[in-house]
């Protein structure tokens, strides 16, 4: 049954979508660039590690299929084309999984 999903529920679902080349989910990898949630709509913007990522359309499709199967809201997914992914986008769990050190304090 489809339900209105909260931001936390959406992020938990997105954490089940794995980048098959890197072997890490798209949340910990820092691919979720923006997420706006309302009772009517989920607007997701994804930022990939490379603009020419050969699997980005597949990952977008998996993400869309997952959200539309569960969410009562309309789902809109866009690709972030202007920003550049850096390891700073990794979550602490993502840094640990990929062997990146914690960022230096600013």
PDB file of N, CA and C in Angstrom:
ATOM      1  N   UNK A   1       0.840  -1.173   0.000  1.00  0.00           N
ATOM      2  CA  UNK A   1       0.000   0.000   0.000  1.00  0.00           C
ATOM      3  C   UNK A   1       0.893   1.247   0.000  1.00  0.00           C
ATOM      4  N   UNK A   2       0.533   2.216  -0.806  1.00  0.00           N
ATOM      5  CA  UNK A   2       1.284   3.455  -0.871  1.00  0.00           C
ATOM      6  C   UNK A   2       0.875   4.364   0.280  1.00  0.00           C
ATOM      7  N   UNK A   3       1.876   5.029   0.866  1.00  0.00           N
ATOM      8  CA  UNK A   3       1.615   5.962   1.959  1.00  0.00           C
ATOM      9  C   UNK A   3       2.401   7.241   1.717  1.00  0.00           C
ATOM     10  N   UNK A   4       2.030   8.280   2.423  1.00  0.00           N
ATOM     11  CA  UNK A   4       2.786   9.525   2.374  1.00  0.00           C
ATOM     12  C   UNK A   4       4.048   9.306   3.199  1.00  0.00           C
ATOM     13  N   UNK A   5       5.174   9.426   2.543  1.00  0.00           N
ATOM     14  CA  UNK A   5       6.455   9.149   3.192  1.00  0.00           C
ATOM     15  C   UNK A   5       7.075  10.419   3.763  1.00  0.00           C
ATOM     16  N   UNK A   6       7.733  10.247   4.895  1.00  0.00           N
ATOM     17  CA  UNK A   6       8.465  11.357   5.504  1.00  0.00           C
ATOM     18  C   UNK A   6       9.880  11.399   4.920  1.00  0.00           C
ATOM     19  N   UNK A   7      10.581  12.477   5.189  1.00  0.00           N
ATOM     20  CA  UNK A   7      11.965  12.625   4.739  1.00  0.00           C
ATOM     21  C   UNK A   7      12.828  11.459   5.253  1.00  0.00           C
ATOM     22  N   UNK A   8      12.680  11.129   6.538  1.00  0.00           N
ATOM     23  CA  UNK A   8      13.468  10.034   7.116  1.00  0.00           C
ATOM     24  C   UNK A   8      13.145   8.694   6.463  1.00  0.00           C
ATOM     25  N   UNK A   9      11.884   8.451   6.177  1.00  0.00           N
ATOM     26  CA  UNK A   9      11.496   7.205   5.509  1.00  0.00           C
ATOM     27  C   UNK A   9      12.062   7.141   4.098  1.00  0.00           C
ATOM     28  N   UNK A  10      12.063   8.274   3.422  1.00  0.00           N
ATOM     29  CA  UNK A  10      12.615   8.323   2.060  1.00  0.00           C
ATOM     30  C   UNK A  10      14.113   8.066   2.097  1.00  0.00           C
ATOM     31  N   UNK A  11      14.814   8.697   3.013  1.00  0.00           N
ATOM     32  CA  UNK A  11      16.259   8.482   3.119  1.00  0.00           C
ATOM     33  C   UNK A  11      16.575   7.025   3.455  1.00  0.00           C
ATOM     34  N   UNK A  12      15.755   6.409   4.293  1.00  0.00           N
ATOM     35  CA  UNK A  12      15.957   4.990   4.609  1.00  0.00           C
ATOM     36  C   UNK A  12      15.760   4.123   3.364  1.00  0.00           C
ATOM     37  N   UNK A  13      14.773   4.441   2.552  1.00  0.00           N
ATOM     38  CA  UNK A  13      14.577   3.705   1.294  1.00  0.00           C
ATOM     39  C   UNK A  13      15.748   3.936   0.339  1.00  0.00           C
ATOM     40  N   UNK A  14      16.191   5.192   0.227  1.00  0.00           N
ATOM     41  CA  UNK A  14      17.299   5.509  -0.670  1.00  0.00           C
ATOM     42  C   UNK A  14      18.583   4.802  -0.247  1.00  0.00           C
ATOM     43  N   UNK A  15      18.710   4.549   1.034  1.00  0.00           N
ATOM     44  CA  UNK A  15      19.898   3.843   1.538  1.00  0.00           C
ATOM     45  C   UNK A  15      19.919   2.378   1.102  1.00  0.00           C
ATOM     46  N   UNK A  16      18.851   1.904   0.466  1.00  0.00           N
ATOM     47  CA  UNK A  16      18.841   0.537  -0.066  1.00  0.00           C
ATOM     48  C   UNK A  16      19.242   0.498  -1.541  1.00  0.00           C
ATOM     49  N   UNK A  17      19.422   1.677  -2.146  1.00  0.00           N
ATOM     50  CA  UNK A  17      19.831   1.753  -3.555  1.00  0.00           C
ATOM     51  C   UNK A  17      21.356   1.848  -3.586  1.00  0.00           C
ATOM     52  N   UNK A  18      21.993   0.854  -4.169  1.00  0.00           N
ATOM     53  CA  UNK A  18      23.450   0.792  -4.165  1.00  0.00           C
ATOM     54  C   UNK A  18      24.027   1.162  -5.531  1.00  0.00           C
ATOM     55  N   UNK A  19      25.105   1.913  -5.506  1.00  0.00           N
ATOM     56  CA  UNK A  19      25.879   2.152  -6.720  1.00  0.00           C
ATOM     57  C   UNK A  19      26.679   0.878  -6.970  1.00  0.00           C
ATOM     58  N   UNK A  20      26.368   0.124  -8.021  1.00  0.00           N
ATOM     59  CA  UNK A  20      27.008  -1.179  -8.207  1.00  0.00           C
ATOM     60  C   UNK A  20      28.501  -1.098  -8.532  1.00  0.00           C
ATOM     61  N   UNK A  21      28.961   0.014  -9.058  1.00  0.00           N
ATOM     62  CA  UNK A  21      30.400   0.146  -9.341  1.00  0.00           C
ATOM     63  C   UNK A  21      31.203   0.358  -8.067  1.00  0.00           C
ATOM     64  N   UNK A  22      30.623   1.106  -7.124  1.00  0.00           N
ATOM     65  CA  UNK A  22      31.351   1.468  -5.908  1.00  0.00           C
ATOM     66  C   UNK A  22      30.992   0.551  -4.751  1.00  0.00           C
ATOM     67  N   UNK A  23      29.789  -0.019  -4.784  1.00  0.00           N
ATOM     68  CA  UNK A  23      29.369  -0.931  -3.733  1.00  0.00           C
ATOM     69  C   UNK A  23      28.926  -0.227  -2.464  1.00  0.00           C
ATOM     70  N   UNK A  24      28.385   0.966  -2.614  1.00  0.00           N
ATOM     71  CA  UNK A  24      27.934   1.753  -1.471  1.00  0.00           C
ATOM     72  C   UNK A  24      26.593   2.366  -1.833  1.00  0.00           C
ATOM     73  N   UNK A  25      25.722   2.533  -0.834  1.00  0.00           N
ATOM     74  CA  UNK A  25      24.404   3.089  -1.138  1.00  0.00           C
ATOM     75  C   UNK A  25      24.504   4.574  -1.473  1.00  0.00           C
ATOM     76  N   UNK A  26      23.491   5.074  -2.174  1.00  0.00           N
ATOM     77  CA  UNK A  26      23.545   6.447  -2.689  1.00  0.00           C
ATOM     78  C   UNK A  26      23.463   7.511  -1.602  1.00  0.00           C
ATOM     79  N   UNK A  27      22.961   7.173  -0.430  1.00  0.00           N
ATOM     80  CA  UNK A  27      22.935   8.140   0.676  1.00  0.00           C
ATOM     81  C   UNK A  27      24.340   8.289   1.252  1.00  0.00           C
ATOM     82  N   UNK A  28      24.960   7.175   1.631  1.00  0.00           N
ATOM     83  CA  UNK A  28      26.305   7.242   2.206  1.00  0.00           C
ATOM     84  C   UNK A  28      27.341   7.725   1.205  1.00  0.00           C
ATOM     85  N   UNK A  29      27.079   7.503  -0.074  1.00  0.00           N
ATOM     86  CA  UNK A  29      27.983   7.971  -1.118  1.00  0.00           C
ATOM     87  C   UNK A  29      27.847   9.473  -1.361  1.00  0.00           C
ATOM     88  N   UNK A  30      26.790  10.058  -0.833  1.00  0.00           N
ATOM     89  CA  UNK A  30      26.593  11.502  -0.991  1.00  0.00           C
ATOM     90  C   UNK A  30      25.991  11.891  -2.324  1.00  0.00           C
ATOM     91  N   UNK A  31      25.249  10.982  -2.944  1.00  0.00           N
ATOM     92  CA  UNK A  31      24.634  11.284  -4.228  1.00  0.00           C
ATOM     93  C   UNK A  31      23.318  12.034  -4.094  1.00  0.00           C
ATOM     94  N   UNK A  32      22.723  12.034  -2.898  1.00  0.00           N
ATOM     95  CA  UNK A  32      21.478  12.777  -2.682  1.00  0.00           C
ATOM     96  C   UNK A  32      21.866  14.239  -2.480  1.00  0.00           C
ATOM     97  N   UNK A  33      21.712  15.024  -3.520  1.00  0.00           N
ATOM     98  CA  UNK A  33      22.123  16.432  -3.498  1.00  0.00           C
ATOM     99  C   UNK A  33      21.059  17.297  -2.821  1.00  0.00           C
ATOM    100  N   UNK A  34      19.796  17.009  -3.127  1.00  0.00           N
ATOM    101  CA  UNK A  34      18.690  17.769  -2.531  1.00  0.00           C
ATOM    102  C   UNK A  34      17.469  16.860  -2.446  1.00  0.00           C
ATOM    103  N   UNK A  35      16.709  17.046  -1.384  1.00  0.00           N
ATOM    104  CA  UNK A  35      15.482  16.278  -1.186  1.00  0.00           C
ATOM    105  C   UNK A  35      14.445  17.193  -0.554  1.00  0.00           C
ATOM    106  N   UNK A  36      13.392  17.457  -1.303  1.00  0.00           N
ATOM    107  CA  UNK A  36      12.275  18.263  -0.804  1.00  0.00           C
ATOM    108  C   UNK A  36      11.054  17.360  -0.757  1.00  0.00           C
ATOM    109  N   UNK A  37      10.399  17.359   0.410  1.00  0.00           N
ATOM    110  CA  UNK A  37       9.282  16.455   0.631  1.00  0.00           C
ATOM    111  C   UNK A  37       8.070  17.241   1.111  1.00  0.00           C
ATOM    112  N   UNK A  38       6.931  16.964   0.487  1.00  0.00           N
ATOM    113  CA  UNK A  38       5.657  17.497   0.959  1.00  0.00           C
ATOM    114  C   UNK A  38       4.645  16.357   0.919  1.00  0.00           C
ATOM    115  N   UNK A  39       3.433  16.612   1.356  1.00  0.00           N
ATOM    116  CA  UNK A  39       2.401  15.581   1.313  1.00  0.00           C
ATOM    117  C   UNK A  39       2.015  15.233  -0.124  1.00  0.00           C
ATOM    118  N   UNK A  40       2.335  16.113  -1.078  1.00  0.00           N
ATOM    119  CA  UNK A  40       1.951  15.891  -2.467  1.00  0.00           C
ATOM    120  C   UNK A  40       3.103  15.454  -3.361  1.00  0.00           C
ATOM    121  N   UNK A  41       4.365  15.776  -2.960  1.00  0.00           N
ATOM    122  CA  UNK A  41       5.466  15.585  -3.902  1.00  0.00           C
ATOM    123  C   UNK A  41       6.778  15.257  -3.206  1.00  0.00           C
ATOM    124  N   UNK A  42       7.555  14.411  -3.866  1.00  0.00           N
ATOM    125  CA  UNK A  42       8.942  14.157  -3.484  1.00  0.00           C
ATOM    126  C   UNK A  42       9.793  14.665  -4.642  1.00  0.00           C
ATOM    127  N   UNK A  43      10.652  15.644  -4.372  1.00  0.00           N
ATOM    128  CA  UNK A  43      11.563  16.166  -5.391  1.00  0.00           C
ATOM    129  C   UNK A  43      12.977  15.811  -4.958  1.00  0.00           C
ATOM    130  N   UNK A  44      13.621  14.988  -5.758  1.00  0.00           N
ATOM    131  CA  UNK A  44      14.951  14.489  -5.450  1.00  0.00           C
ATOM    132  C   UNK A  44      15.911  14.933  -6.541  1.00  0.00           C
ATOM    133  N   UNK A  45      17.053  15.468  -6.131  1.00  0.00           N
ATOM    134  CA  UNK A  45      18.106  15.841  -7.079  1.00  0.00           C
ATOM    135  C   UNK A  45      19.333  15.011  -6.725  1.00  0.00           C
ATOM    136  N   UNK A  46      19.840  14.270  -7.717  1.00  0.00           N
ATOM    137  CA  UNK A  46      20.991  13.401  -7.516  1.00  0.00           C
ATOM    138  C   UNK A  46      22.233  13.994  -8.176  1.00  0.00           C
ATOM    139  N   UNK A  47      23.354  13.873  -7.477  1.00  0.00           N
ATOM    140  CA  UNK A  47      24.654  14.308  -7.972  1.00  0.00           C
ATOM    141  C   UNK A  47      25.542  13.079  -8.060  1.00  0.00           C
ATOM    142  N   UNK A  48      26.024  12.772  -9.242  1.00  0.00           N
ATOM    143  CA  UNK A  48      26.843  11.577  -9.418  1.00  0.00           C
ATOM    144  C   UNK A  48      28.325  11.893  -9.286  1.00  0.00           C
ATOM    145  N   UNK A  49      29.094  10.850  -9.000  1.00  0.00           N
ATOM    146  CA  UNK A  49      30.531  11.022  -8.793  1.00  0.00           C
ATOM    147  C   UNK A  49      31.232  11.450 -10.071  1.00  0.00           C
ATOM    148  N   UNK A  50      30.630  11.177 -11.209  1.00  0.00           N
ATOM    149  CA  UNK A  50      31.166  11.606 -12.507  1.00  0.00           C
ATOM    150  C   UNK A  50      29.990  11.921 -13.425  1.00  0.00           C
ATOM    151  N   UNK A  51      30.096  12.996 -14.183  1.00  0.00           N
ATOM    152  CA  UNK A  51      29.017  13.375 -15.108  1.00  0.00           C
ATOM    153  C   UNK A  51      28.759  12.275 -16.136  1.00  0.00           C
ATOM    154  N   UNK A  52      29.796  11.555 -16.499  1.00  0.00           N
ATOM    155  CA  UNK A  52      29.658  10.511 -17.512  1.00  0.00           C
ATOM    156  C   UNK A  52      29.449   9.125 -16.890  1.00  0.00           C
ATOM    157  N   UNK A  53      28.977   9.073 -15.665  1.00  0.00           N
ATOM    158  CA  UNK A  53      28.756   7.788 -14.993  1.00  0.00           C
ATOM    159  C   UNK A  53      27.884   6.896 -15.883  1.00  0.00           C
ATOM    160  N   UNK A  54      28.396   5.742 -16.274  1.00  0.00           N
ATOM    161  CA  UNK A  54      27.632   4.883 -17.180  1.00  0.00           C
ATOM    162  C   UNK A  54      26.380   4.267 -16.548  1.00  0.00           C
ATOM    163  N   UNK A  55      26.308   4.283 -15.231  1.00  0.00           N
ATOM    164  CA  UNK A  55      25.167   3.656 -14.553  1.00  0.00           C
ATOM    165  C   UNK A  55      24.156   4.661 -14.004  1.00  0.00           C
ATOM    166  N   UNK A  56      24.351   5.936 -14.275  1.00  0.00           N
ATOM    167  CA  UNK A  56      23.460   6.911 -13.633  1.00  0.00           C
ATOM    168  C   UNK A  56      22.005   6.750 -14.036  1.00  0.00           C
ATOM    169  N   UNK A  57      21.717   6.459 -15.301  1.00  0.00           N
ATOM    170  CA  UNK A  57      20.313   6.280 -15.695  1.00  0.00           C
ATOM    171  C   UNK A  57      19.711   5.047 -15.024  1.00  0.00           C
ATOM    172  N   UNK A  58      20.508   4.011 -14.858  1.00  0.00           N
ATOM    173  CA  UNK A  58      20.036   2.812 -14.175  1.00  0.00           C
ATOM    174  C   UNK A  58      19.751   3.104 -12.706  1.00  0.00           C
ATOM    175  N   UNK A  59      20.629   3.836 -12.046  1.00  0.00           N
ATOM    176  CA  UNK A  59      20.424   4.188 -10.639  1.00  0.00           C
ATOM    177  C   UNK A  59      19.200   5.091 -10.491  1.00  0.00           C
ATOM    178  N   UNK A  60      19.025   6.024 -11.415  1.00  0.00           N
ATOM    179  CA  UNK A  60      17.832   6.879 -11.394  1.00  0.00           C
ATOM    180  C   UNK A  60      16.582   6.022 -11.552  1.00  0.00           C
ATOM    181  N   UNK A  61      16.614   5.053 -12.451  1.00  0.00           N
ATOM    182  CA  UNK A  61      15.455   4.189 -12.659  1.00  0.00           C
ATOM    183  C   UNK A  61      15.143   3.352 -11.421  1.00  0.00           C
ATOM    184  N   UNK A  62      16.177   2.763 -10.813  1.00  0.00           N
ATOM    185  CA  UNK A  62      15.968   1.997  -9.577  1.00  0.00           C
ATOM    186  C   UNK A  62      15.353   2.873  -8.495  1.00  0.00           C
ATOM    187  N   UNK A  63      15.869   4.085  -8.374  1.00  0.00           N
ATOM    188  CA  UNK A  63      15.392   5.020  -7.355  1.00  0.00           C
ATOM    189  C   UNK A  63      13.942   5.397  -7.619  1.00  0.00           C
ATOM    190  N   UNK A  64      13.639   5.707  -8.854  1.00  0.00           N
ATOM    191  CA  UNK A  64      12.268   6.064  -9.228  1.00  0.00           C
ATOM    192  C   UNK A  64      11.307   4.912  -8.977  1.00  0.00           C
ATOM    193  N   UNK A  65      11.699   3.719  -9.402  1.00  0.00           N
ATOM    194  CA  UNK A  65      10.833   2.547  -9.203  1.00  0.00           C
ATOM    195  C   UNK A  65      10.562   2.311  -7.719  1.00  0.00           C
ATOM    196  N   UNK A  66      11.599   2.419  -6.901  1.00  0.00           N
ATOM    197  CA  UNK A  66      11.454   2.197  -5.463  1.00  0.00           C
ATOM    198  C   UNK A  66      10.504   3.220  -4.836  1.00  0.00           C
ATOM    199  N   UNK A  67      10.727   4.492  -5.136  1.00  0.00           N
ATOM    200  CA  UNK A  67       9.900   5.534  -4.522  1.00  0.00           C
ATOM    201  C   UNK A  67       8.468   5.509  -5.029  1.00  0.00           C
ATOM    202  N   UNK A  68       8.276   5.314  -6.328  1.00  0.00           N
ATOM    203  CA  UNK A  68       6.904   5.312  -6.844  1.00  0.00           C
ATOM    204  C   UNK A  68       6.117   4.096  -6.366  1.00  0.00           C
ATOM    205  N   UNK A  69       6.805   3.002  -6.057  1.00  0.00           N
ATOM    206  CA  UNK A  69       6.110   1.816  -5.539  1.00  0.00           C
ATOM    207  C   UNK A  69       5.628   2.019  -4.109  1.00  0.00           C
ATOM    208  N   UNK A  70       6.313   2.869  -3.355  1.00  0.00           N
ATOM    209  CA  UNK A  70       6.004   3.031  -1.932  1.00  0.00           C
ATOM    210  C   UNK A  70       5.288   4.334  -1.585  1.00  0.00           C
ATOM    211  N   UNK A  71       5.554   5.388  -2.355  1.00  0.00           N
ATOM    212  CA  UNK A  71       5.078   6.725  -1.974  1.00  0.00           C
ATOM    213  C   UNK A  71       3.738   7.068  -2.605  1.00  0.00           C
ATOM    214  N   UNK A  72       2.865   7.676  -1.799  1.00  0.00           N
ATOM    215  CA  UNK A  72       1.613   8.206  -2.322  1.00  0.00           C
ATOM    216  C   UNK A  72       1.877   9.527  -3.053  1.00  0.00           C
ATOM    217  N   UNK A  73       3.010  10.159  -2.755  1.00  0.00           N
ATOM    218  CA  UNK A  73       3.349  11.422  -3.391  1.00  0.00           C
ATOM    219  C   UNK A  73       3.816  11.197  -4.838  1.00  0.00           C
ATOM    220  N   UNK A  74       3.721  12.267  -5.617  1.00  0.00           N
ATOM    221  CA  UNK A  74       4.331  12.290  -6.943  1.00  0.00           C
ATOM    222  C   UNK A  74       5.837  12.332  -6.748  1.00  0.00           C
ATOM    223  N   UNK A  75       6.577  11.614  -7.579  1.00  0.00           N
ATOM    224  CA  UNK A  75       8.031  11.551  -7.471  1.00  0.00           C
ATOM    225  C   UNK A  75       8.660  12.231  -8.684  1.00  0.00           C
ATOM    226  N   UNK A  76       9.558  13.170  -8.410  1.00  0.00           N
ATOM    227  CA  UNK A  76      10.313  13.840  -9.472  1.00  0.00           C
ATOM    228  C   UNK A  76      11.791  13.726  -9.145  1.00  0.00           C
ATOM    229  N   UNK A  77      12.543  13.174 -10.089  1.00  0.00           N
ATOM    230  CA  UNK A  77      13.991  13.012  -9.896  1.00  0.00           C
ATOM    231  C   UNK A  77      14.707  13.785 -10.991  1.00  0.00           C
ATOM    232  N   UNK A  78      15.658  14.601 -10.572  1.00  0.00           N
ATOM    233  CA  UNK A  78      16.464  15.374 -11.512  1.00  0.00           C
ATOM    234  C   UNK A  78      17.935  15.111 -11.231  1.00  0.00           C
ATOM    235  N   UNK A  79      18.766  15.384 -12.212  1.00  0.00           N
ATOM    236  CA  UNK A  79      20.203  15.239 -12.058  1.00  0.00           C
ATOM    237  C   UNK A  79      20.823  16.613 -11.844  1.00  0.00           C
ATOM    238  N   UNK A  80      21.675  16.714 -10.856  1.00  0.00           N
ATOM    239  CA  UNK A  80      22.418  17.952 -10.604  1.00  0.00           C
ATOM    240  C   UNK A  80      23.585  17.979 -11.588  1.00  0.00           C
ATOM    241  N   UNK A  81      23.591  18.962 -12.466  1.00  0.00           N
ATOM    242  CA  UNK A  81      24.595  19.030 -13.522  1.00  0.00           C
ATOM    243  C   UNK A  81      25.671  20.086 -13.260  1.00  0.00           C
ATOM    244  N   UNK A  82      25.430  21.006 -12.330  1.00  0.00           N
ATOM    245  CA  UNK A  82      26.383  22.103 -12.123  1.00  0.00           C
ATOM    246  C   UNK A  82      27.378  21.848 -11.005  1.00  0.00           C
ATOM    247  N   UNK A  83      26.956  21.213  -9.960  1.00  0.00           N
ATOM    248  CA  UNK A  83      27.860  20.937  -8.838  1.00  0.00           C
ATOM    249  C   UNK A  83      28.784  19.775  -9.192  1.00  0.00           C
ATOM    250  N   UNK A  84      29.877  19.684  -8.474  1.00  0.00           N
ATOM    251  CA  UNK A  84      30.846  18.608  -8.677  1.00  0.00           C
ATOM    252  C   UNK A  84      30.923  17.786  -7.397  1.00  0.00           C
ATOM    253  N   UNK A  85      30.821  16.472  -7.539  1.00  0.00           N
ATOM    254  CA  UNK A  85      30.929  15.592  -6.391  1.00  0.00           C
ATOM    255  C   UNK A  85      32.374  15.561  -5.900  1.00  0.00           C
ATOM    256  N   UNK A  86      32.536  15.600  -4.577  1.00  0.00           N
ATOM    257  CA  UNK A  86      33.850  15.409  -3.960  1.00  0.00           C
ATOM    258  C   UNK A  86      33.660  14.452  -2.784  1.00  0.00           C
ATOM    259  N   UNK A  87      34.735  13.870  -2.275  1.00  0.00           N
ATOM    260  CA  UNK A  87      34.613  12.972  -1.116  1.00  0.00           C
ATOM    261  C   UNK A  87      34.033  13.661   0.121  1.00  0.00           C
ATOM    262  N   UNK A  88      34.000  14.971   0.151  1.00  0.00           N
ATOM    263  CA  UNK A  88      33.380  15.686   1.271  1.00  0.00           C
ATOM    264  C   UNK A  88      31.900  15.366   1.401  1.00  0.00           C
ATOM    265  N   UNK A  89      31.287  14.870   0.338  1.00  0.00           N
ATOM    266  CA  UNK A  89      29.860  14.544   0.362  1.00  0.00           C
ATOM    267  C   UNK A  89      29.581  13.199   1.041  1.00  0.00           C
ATOM    268  N   UNK A  90      30.595  12.391   1.244  1.00  0.00           N
ATOM    269  CA  UNK A  90      30.419  11.091   1.902  1.00  0.00           C
ATOM    270  C   UNK A  90      29.930  11.277   3.335  1.00  0.00           C
ATOM    271  N   UNK A  91      29.043  10.410   3.770  1.00  0.00           N
ATOM    272  CA  UNK A  91      28.655  10.390   5.174  1.00  0.00           C
ATOM    273  C   UNK A  91      29.793   9.747   5.963  1.00  0.00           C
ATOM    274  N   UNK A  92      29.789   9.854   7.292  1.00  0.00           N
ATOM    275  CA  UNK A  92      30.810   9.157   8.076  1.00  0.00           C
ATOM    276  C   UNK A  92      30.843   7.650   7.773  1.00  0.00           C
ATOM    277  N   UNK A  93      29.688   7.032   7.604  1.00  0.00           N
ATOM    278  CA  UNK A  93      29.648   5.600   7.268  1.00  0.00           C
ATOM    279  C   UNK A  93      30.252   5.354   5.884  1.00  0.00           C
ATOM    280  N   UNK A  94      30.007   6.252   4.958  1.00  0.00           N
ATOM    281  CA  UNK A  94      30.574   6.131   3.621  1.00  0.00           C
ATOM    282  C   UNK A  94      32.081   6.300   3.625  1.00  0.00           C
ATOM    283  N   UNK A  95      32.564   7.250   4.422  1.00  0.00           N
ATOM    284  CA  UNK A  95      34.014   7.459   4.546  1.00  0.00           C
ATOM    285  C   UNK A  95      34.690   6.199   5.094  1.00  0.00           C
ATOM    286  N   UNK A  96      34.063   5.644   6.115  1.00  0.00           N
ATOM    287  CA  UNK A  96      34.634   4.442   6.728  1.00  0.00           C
ATOM    288  C   UNK A  96      34.637   3.275   5.741  1.00  0.00           C
ATOM    289  N   UNK A  97      33.523   3.094   5.030  1.00  0.00           N
ATOM    290  CA  UNK A  97      33.414   1.972   4.087  1.00  0.00           C
ATOM    291  C   UNK A  97      34.438   2.072   2.955  1.00  0.00           C
ATOM    292  N   UNK A  98      34.750   3.298   2.540  1.00  0.00           N
ATOM    293  CA  UNK A  98      35.668   3.484   1.418  1.00  0.00           C
ATOM    294  C   UNK A  98      37.093   3.801   1.861  1.00  0.00           C
ATOM    295  N   UNK A  99      37.309   3.879   3.176  1.00  0.00           N
ATOM    296  CA  UNK A  99      38.646   4.112   3.682  1.00  0.00           C
ATOM    297  C   UNK A  99      39.132   5.552   3.623  1.00  0.00           C
ATOM    298  N   UNK A 100      38.198   6.507   3.543  1.00  0.00           N
ATOM    299  CA  UNK A 100      38.568   7.913   3.564  1.00  0.00           C
ATOM    300  C   UNK A 100      38.713   8.379   5.006  1.00  0.00           C
ATOM    301  N   UNK A 101      39.718   9.201   5.308  1.00  0.00           N
ATOM    302  CA  UNK A 101      39.836   9.735   6.662  1.00  0.00           C
ATOM    303  C   UNK A 101      38.731  10.764   6.925  1.00  0.00           C
ATOM    304  N   UNK A 102      38.468  11.007   8.181  1.00  0.00           N
ATOM    305  CA  UNK A 102      37.515  12.050   8.553  1.00  0.00           C
ATOM    306  C   UNK A 102      38.044  13.384   8.058  1.00  0.00           C
ATOM    307  N   UNK A 103      37.137  14.303   7.673  1.00  0.00           N
ATOM    308  CA  UNK A 103      37.627  15.602   7.199  1.00  0.00           C
ATOM    309  C   UNK A 103      38.329  16.360   8.321  1.00  0.00           C
ATOM    310  N   UNK A 104      39.279  17.165   7.934  1.00  0.00           N
ATOM    311  CA  UNK A 104      40.004  17.985   8.915  1.00  0.00           C
ATOM    312  C   UNK A 104      39.071  19.051   9.459  1.00  0.00           C
ATOM    313  N   UNK A 105      39.183  19.373  10.747  1.00  0.00           N
ATOM    314  CA  UNK A 105      38.346  20.436  11.316  1.00  0.00           C
ATOM    315  C   UNK A 105      38.667  21.764  10.635  1.00  0.00           C
ATOM    316  N   UNK A 106      37.648  22.569  10.493  1.00  0.00           N
ATOM    317  CA  UNK A 106      37.829  23.872   9.841  1.00  0.00           C
ATOM    318  C   UNK A 106      37.962  24.957  10.854  1.00  0.00           C
TER     319      UNK A 106
END
